[in-house]
Every structure is written in structure tokens, then in C-alpha cells.
Amino acid sequence: MADKRKNNGAKKGENRGAGRKPKSYEHEIRAAIEEAAGDGGLLSLWQSTFTEARKGSISHQNTIYAYYYGKPKEHIDLTTDGEQILAPQIILSANKP
């Protein structure tokens, strides 16, 4: 039976929407934020963030660290309760059924 979808509208070899958005998109977002903030808007935003961080707000402190130093690398533990995960054993026999 024929599929009738004919590649769902995609050309052969075309990846629609796959991958990271282009840097130009990030620049557009940044420009829109700066325009919305106006003169001194971003400066006052960061000043209020530092004020709250000095008061002890952990989330504000984390924001400052993330933007200034970068986020730390996340590690994934591939063990179960401290034990290594064992790969399944595959036994190939010479006898064919």
C-alpha cells in the first residue's frame, strides 16, 4: 500500500528545525531585551541582583556566579549505590538450531 505522505513535505536530506538556533537569533533577543530595558535598565537590574545577593538570596548569588564564572560542569553518576553497572553478557554458541 502506498504511503501517500510523500516525505511529509520535507525535501530529501533536509533537516527541518533540527539543531541549535543561529547566533543571529540570540543577538535579536539580546537587542530586544536591551531596548525594553531602556537607558540604565540593565544596570539597575544587575544592581538590584547584587543587592539581593548581599542580603543572602541564594538564587541571586547563583545567577551572578553563573553569568560571571560560568555554570559548573555537571557530573552524572553511572553507578547504582556505589556499584558499577555491569554490561549484559552475550553468549554466542557454535550450534545453530
C-alpha atoms as a PDB file:
ATOM      1  CA  MET A   1       0.000   0.000   0.000  1.00  0.00           C
ATOM      2  CA  ALA A   2       1.370   3.421  -0.925  1.00  0.00           C
ATOM      3  CA  ASP A   3       2.348   5.835   1.827  1.00  0.00           C
ATOM      4  CA  LYS A   4       0.746   8.934   0.181  1.00  0.00           C
ATOM      5  CA  ARG A   5       2.574  11.257   2.598  1.00  0.00           C
ATOM      6  CA  LYS A   6       5.387  11.896   0.116  1.00  0.00           C
ATOM      7  CA  ASN A   7       8.089  12.609   2.721  1.00  0.00           C
ATOM      8  CA  ASN A   8       5.695  14.757   4.786  1.00  0.00           C
ATOM      9  CA  GLY A   9       6.585  17.863   2.795  1.00  0.00           C
ATOM     10  CA  ALA A  10      10.312  17.609   3.522  1.00  0.00           C
ATOM     11  CA  LYS A  11      12.864  17.587   0.768  1.00  0.00           C
ATOM     12  CA  LYS A  12      15.246  14.681   0.732  1.00  0.00           C
ATOM     13  CA  GLY A  13      18.165  15.356   3.070  1.00  0.00           C
ATOM     14  CA  GLU A  14      16.524  18.394   4.689  1.00  0.00           C
ATOM     15  CA  ASN A  15      16.527  18.637   8.483  1.00  0.00           C
ATOM     16  CA  ARG A  16      13.654  20.910   9.388  1.00  0.00           C
ATOM     17  CA  GLY A  17      14.122  22.675  12.697  1.00  0.00           C
ATOM     18  CA  ALA A  18      16.950  20.426  13.798  1.00  0.00           C
ATOM     19  CA  GLY A  19      19.856  21.716  15.859  1.00  0.00           C
ATOM     20  CA  ARG A  20      20.650  24.926  17.647  1.00  0.00           C
ATOM     21  CA  LYS A  21      19.137  28.228  16.604  1.00  0.00           C
ATOM     22  CA  PRO A  22      21.577  30.541  14.804  1.00  0.00           C
ATOM     23  CA  LYS A  23      23.587  33.166  16.689  1.00  0.00           C
ATOM     24  CA  SER A  24      21.661  35.895  14.866  1.00  0.00           C
ATOM     25  CA  TYR A  25      18.554  34.780  16.771  1.00  0.00           C
ATOM     26  CA  GLU A  26      20.392  35.206  20.088  1.00  0.00           C
ATOM     27  CA  HIS A  27      21.564  38.678  19.016  1.00  0.00           C
ATOM     28  CA  GLU A  28      17.972  39.645  18.161  1.00  0.00           C
ATOM     29  CA  ILE A  29      16.789  38.526  21.607  1.00  0.00           C
ATOM     30  CA  ARG A  30      19.603  40.455  23.315  1.00  0.00           C
ATOM     31  CA  ALA A  31      18.796  43.599  21.318  1.00  0.00           C
ATOM     32  CA  ALA A  32      15.102  43.321  22.197  1.00  0.00           C
ATOM     33  CA  ILE A  33      15.909  42.980  25.911  1.00  0.00           C
ATOM     34  CA  GLU A  34      18.263  45.981  25.833  1.00  0.00           C
ATOM     35  CA  GLU A  35      15.631  48.061  24.022  1.00  0.00           C
ATOM     36  CA  ALA A  36      12.916  47.078  26.504  1.00  0.00           C
ATOM     37  CA  ALA A  37      15.186  47.856  29.478  1.00  0.00           C
ATOM     38  CA  GLY A  38      15.912  51.366  28.204  1.00  0.00           C
ATOM     39  CA  ASP A  39      18.740  53.618  29.366  1.00  0.00           C
ATOM     40  CA  GLY A  40      20.259  52.234  32.545  1.00  0.00           C
ATOM     41  CA  GLY A  41      17.648  49.477  32.802  1.00  0.00           C
ATOM     42  CA  LEU A  42      20.110  46.608  32.689  1.00  0.00           C
ATOM     43  CA  LEU A  43      22.439  48.401  35.090  1.00  0.00           C
ATOM     44  CA  SER A  44      19.648  48.848  37.633  1.00  0.00           C
ATOM     45  CA  LEU A  45      18.641  45.200  37.153  1.00  0.00           C
ATOM     46  CA  TRP A  46      22.160  43.989  37.985  1.00  0.00           C
ATOM     47  CA  GLN A  47      22.412  46.421  40.907  1.00  0.00           C
ATOM     48  CA  SER A  48      19.216  45.025  42.396  1.00  0.00           C
ATOM     49  CA  THR A  49      20.507  41.485  41.800  1.00  0.00           C
ATOM     50  CA  PHE A  50      23.711  42.295  43.719  1.00  0.00           C
ATOM     51  CA  THR A  51      21.689  43.960  46.497  1.00  0.00           C
ATOM     52  CA  GLU A  52      19.553  40.841  46.952  1.00  0.00           C
ATOM     53  CA  ALA A  53      22.641  38.604  46.791  1.00  0.00           C
ATOM     54  CA  ARG A  54      24.260  40.610  49.591  1.00  0.00           C
ATOM     55  CA  LYS A  55      21.102  40.114  51.671  1.00  0.00           C
ATOM     56  CA  GLY A  56      21.669  36.362  51.367  1.00  0.00           C
ATOM     57  CA  SER A  57      19.437  35.324  48.479  1.00  0.00           C
ATOM     58  CA  ILE A  58      20.949  32.086  47.169  1.00  0.00           C
ATOM     59  CA  SER A  59      19.143  32.283  43.820  1.00  0.00           C
ATOM     60  CA  HIS A  60      20.539  35.773  43.172  1.00  0.00           C
ATOM     61  CA  GLN A  61      24.028  34.590  44.166  1.00  0.00           C
ATOM     62  CA  ASN A  62      23.741  31.617  41.805  1.00  0.00           C
ATOM     63  CA  THR A  63      22.681  33.934  38.978  1.00  0.00           C
ATOM     64  CA  ILE A  64      25.723  36.145  39.500  1.00  0.00           C
ATOM     65  CA  TYR A  65      28.095  33.170  39.666  1.00  0.00           C
ATOM     66  CA  ALA A  66      26.551  31.603  36.552  1.00  0.00           C
ATOM     67  CA  TYR A  67      26.981  34.770  34.491  1.00  0.00           C
ATOM     68  CA  TYR A  68      30.374  35.801  35.869  1.00  0.00           C
ATOM     69  CA  TYR A  69      32.198  32.467  36.200  1.00  0.00           C
ATOM     70  CA  GLY A  70      30.004  30.206  34.058  1.00  0.00           C
ATOM     71  CA  LYS A  71      27.982  27.220  35.191  1.00  0.00           C
ATOM     72  CA  PRO A  72      29.971  24.363  36.680  1.00  0.00           C
ATOM     73  CA  LYS A  73      30.208  21.115  34.739  1.00  0.00           C
ATOM     74  CA  GLU A  74      27.526  18.644  35.766  1.00  0.00           C
ATOM     75  CA  HIS A  75      28.646  15.110  36.517  1.00  0.00           C
ATOM     76  CA  ILE A  76      26.400  12.086  36.080  1.00  0.00           C
ATOM     77  CA  ASP A  77      26.975   9.103  38.357  1.00  0.00           C
ATOM     78  CA  LEU A  78      26.639   5.920  36.331  1.00  0.00           C
ATOM     79  CA  THR A  79      26.638   3.619  39.313  1.00  0.00           C
ATOM     80  CA  THR A  80      23.927   2.095  41.423  1.00  0.00           C
ATOM     81  CA  ASP A  81      24.523   2.643  45.151  1.00  0.00           C
ATOM     82  CA  GLY A  82      28.245   2.906  44.561  1.00  0.00           C
ATOM     83  CA  GLU A  83      28.453  -0.278  42.472  1.00  0.00           C
ATOM     84  CA  GLN A  84      29.356  -0.362  38.800  1.00  0.00           C
ATOM     85  CA  ILE A  85      26.674  -1.211  36.263  1.00  0.00           C
ATOM     86  CA  LEU A  86      27.557  -4.495  34.612  1.00  0.00           C
ATOM     87  CA  ALA A  87      27.013  -4.921  30.903  1.00  0.00           C
ATOM     88  CA  PRO A  88      24.879  -7.924  29.932  1.00  0.00           C
ATOM     89  CA  GLN A  89      26.787 -10.955  28.773  1.00  0.00           C
ATOM     90  CA  ILE A  90      26.012 -12.218  25.287  1.00  0.00           C
ATOM     91  CA  ILE A  91      26.879 -15.854  24.726  1.00  0.00           C
ATOM     92  CA  LEU A  92      27.234 -16.973  21.139  1.00  0.00           C
ATOM     93  CA  SER A  93      27.087 -20.667  20.576  1.00  0.00           C
ATOM     94  CA  ALA A  94      28.548 -22.575  17.661  1.00  0.00           C
ATOM     95  CA  ASN A  95      25.431 -24.788  17.468  1.00  0.00           C
ATOM     96  CA  LYS A  96      22.709 -23.363  15.254  1.00  0.00           C
ATOM     97  CA  PRO A  97      19.178 -24.535  15.939  1.00  0.00           C
END
